[in-house]
C-alpha atoms as a PDB file:
ATOM      1  CA  MET A   1      76.465 162.580 -92.972  1.00  0.00           C
ATOM      2  CA  GLU A   2      73.860 164.967 -94.348  1.00  0.00           C
ATOM      3  CA  GLN A   3      71.536 162.074 -95.159  1.00  0.00           C
ATOM      4  CA  ASN A   4      71.542 160.916 -91.536  1.00  0.00           C
ATOM      5  CA  SER A   5      70.676 164.431 -90.404  1.00  0.00           C
ATOM      6  CA  ILE A   6      67.819 164.666 -92.884  1.00  0.00           C
ATOM      7  CA  ARG A   7      66.474 161.227 -91.916  1.00  0.00           C
ATOM      8  CA  HIS A   8      66.641 162.158 -88.245  1.00  0.00           C
ATOM      9  CA  ASN A   9      64.742 165.411 -88.753  1.00  0.00           C
ATOM     10  CA  LEU A  10      62.078 163.720 -90.874  1.00  0.00           C
ATOM     11  CA  SER A  11      61.541 161.060 -88.220  1.00  0.00           C
ATOM     12  CA  LEU A  12      60.903 163.693 -85.528  1.00  0.00           C
ATOM     13  CA  HIS A  13      57.783 165.058 -87.192  1.00  0.00           C
ATOM     14  CA  THR A  14      54.418 163.346 -87.609  1.00  0.00           C
ATOM     15  CA  ARG A  15      53.943 165.032 -90.982  1.00  0.00           C
ATOM     16  CA  PHE A  16      56.320 162.541 -92.566  1.00  0.00           C
ATOM     17  CA  ILE A  17      56.026 158.776 -92.774  1.00  0.00           C
ATOM     18  CA  ARG A  18      58.628 156.279 -93.851  1.00  0.00           C
ATOM     19  CA  VAL A  19      57.538 153.898 -96.608  1.00  0.00           C
ATOM     20  CA  GLN A  20      59.611 150.783 -97.264  1.00  0.00           C
ATOM     21  CA  ASN A  21      60.929 150.500-100.823  1.00  0.00           C
ATOM     22  CA  GLU A  22      59.825 147.487-102.876  1.00  0.00           C
ATOM     23  CA  GLY A  23      63.398 146.279-103.310  1.00  0.00           C
ATOM     24  CA  THR A  24      65.182 143.861-101.010  1.00  0.00           C
ATOM     25  CA  GLY A  25      67.562 146.496 -99.666  1.00  0.00           C
ATOM     26  CA  LYS A  26      67.211 148.767 -96.664  1.00  0.00           C
ATOM     27  CA  SER A  27      66.167 151.813 -98.681  1.00  0.00           C
ATOM     28  CA  SER A  28      62.892 153.582 -98.036  1.00  0.00           C
ATOM     29  CA  TRP A  29      61.013 156.680 -99.137  1.00  0.00           C
ATOM     30  CA  TRP A  30      59.690 159.535 -97.025  1.00  0.00           C
ATOM     31  CA  MET A  31      56.193 160.763 -97.817  1.00  0.00           C
ATOM     32  CA  LEU A  32      53.860 163.377 -96.391  1.00  0.00           C
ATOM     33  CA  ASN A  33      51.450 161.914 -93.864  1.00  0.00           C
ATOM     34  CA  PRO A  34      47.955 163.141 -94.825  1.00  0.00           C
ATOM     35  CA  GLU A  35      46.790 162.892 -91.192  1.00  0.00           C
ATOM     36  CA  GLY A  36      49.965 164.101 -89.524  1.00  0.00           C
ATOM     37  CA  GLY A  37      50.321 167.526 -87.985  1.00  0.00           C
ATOM     38  CA  LYS A  38      46.607 168.426 -88.103  1.00  0.00           C
ATOM     39  CA  THR A  39      46.206 168.707 -84.347  1.00  0.00           C
ATOM     40  CA  GLY A  40      48.499 171.693 -84.120  1.00  0.00           C
ATOM     41  CA  LYS A  41      51.927 171.886 -82.659  1.00  0.00           C
ATOM     42  CA  THR A  42      52.793 169.095 -80.248  1.00  0.00           C
ATOM     43  CA  PRO A  43      54.678 170.064 -77.090  1.00  0.00           C
ATOM     44  CA  ARG A  44      58.325 169.098 -77.040  1.00  0.00           C
ATOM     45  CA  ARG A  45      59.464 166.568 -74.485  1.00  0.00           C
ATOM     46  CA  ARG A  46      61.990 167.756 -71.930  1.00  0.00           C
ATOM     47  CA  ALA A  47      64.903 165.746 -70.730  1.00  0.00           C
ATOM     48  CA  VAL A  48      64.476 164.228 -67.282  1.00  0.00           C
ATOM     49  CA  SER A  49      67.315 166.354 -65.924  1.00  0.00           C
ATOM     50  CA  MET A  50      65.515 169.521 -67.080  1.00  0.00           C
ATOM     51  CA  ASP A  51      62.334 168.923 -65.064  1.00  0.00           C
ATOM     52  CA  ASN A  52      63.930 169.833 -61.728  1.00  0.00           C
ATOM     53  CA  GLY A  53      66.680 172.142 -62.952  1.00  0.00           C
ATOM     54  CA  ALA A  54      67.056 174.179 -59.746  1.00  0.00           C
ATOM     55  CA  LYS A  55      66.953 171.092 -57.569  1.00  0.00           C
ATOM     56  CA  PHE A  56      69.578 169.425 -59.771  1.00  0.00           C
ATOM     57  CA  LEU A  57      71.912 172.405 -59.387  1.00  0.00           C
ATOM     58  CA  ARG A  58      71.465 172.447 -55.608  1.00  0.00           C
ATOM     59  CA  ILE A  59      72.297 168.762 -55.380  1.00  0.00           C
ATOM     60  CA  LYS A  60      75.467 169.242 -57.385  1.00  0.00           C
ATOM     61  CA  GLY A  61      76.402 172.316 -55.306  1.00  0.00           C
ATOM     62  CA  LYS A  62      76.551 174.592 -58.328  1.00  0.00           C
ATOM     63  CA  ALA A  63      73.666 176.877 -57.458  1.00  0.00           C
ATOM     64  CA  SER A  64      74.571 180.288 -56.154  1.00  0.00           C
ATOM     65  CA  LYS A  65      73.876 180.444 -52.450  1.00  0.00           C
ATOM     66  CA  LYS A  66      72.712 183.731 -51.008  1.00  0.00           C
ATOM     67  CA  PRO A  67      74.270 184.648 -47.662  1.00  0.00           C
ATOM     68  CA  ALA A  68      71.876 184.962 -44.739  1.00  0.00           C
ATOM     69  CA  ALA A  69      70.826 188.453 -43.710  1.00  0.00           C
ATOM     70  CA  GLY A  70      73.479 190.166 -41.612  1.00  0.00           C
ATOM     71  CA  THR A  71      76.308 187.835 -42.643  1.00  0.00           C
ATOM     72  CA  ARG A  72      79.010 188.280 -45.216  1.00  0.00           C
ATOM     73  CA  ALA A  73      79.971 185.809 -47.884  1.00  0.00           C
ATOM     74  CA  LYS A  74      83.368 184.156 -47.504  1.00  0.00           C
ATOM     75  CA  PRO A  75      85.938 185.300 -50.070  1.00  0.00           C
ATOM     76  CA  ARG A  76      87.284 182.559 -52.312  1.00  0.00           C
END
């Protein structure tokens, strides 16, 4: 299980490249990419549901609704 986690984390970064092993199996090596990571830190991608977080909550009815001025909120 640890190997899958390590492979996953290596694949996320451009500083590492996967090099196929000479053998016939599935094994491969991870090496430092000499050109990777030189442009600085790349921005992380957000999930689609995160782009309109407030709108998503309003649609689902989970956002807190403020009572209009002069009215009282209904007790639950």
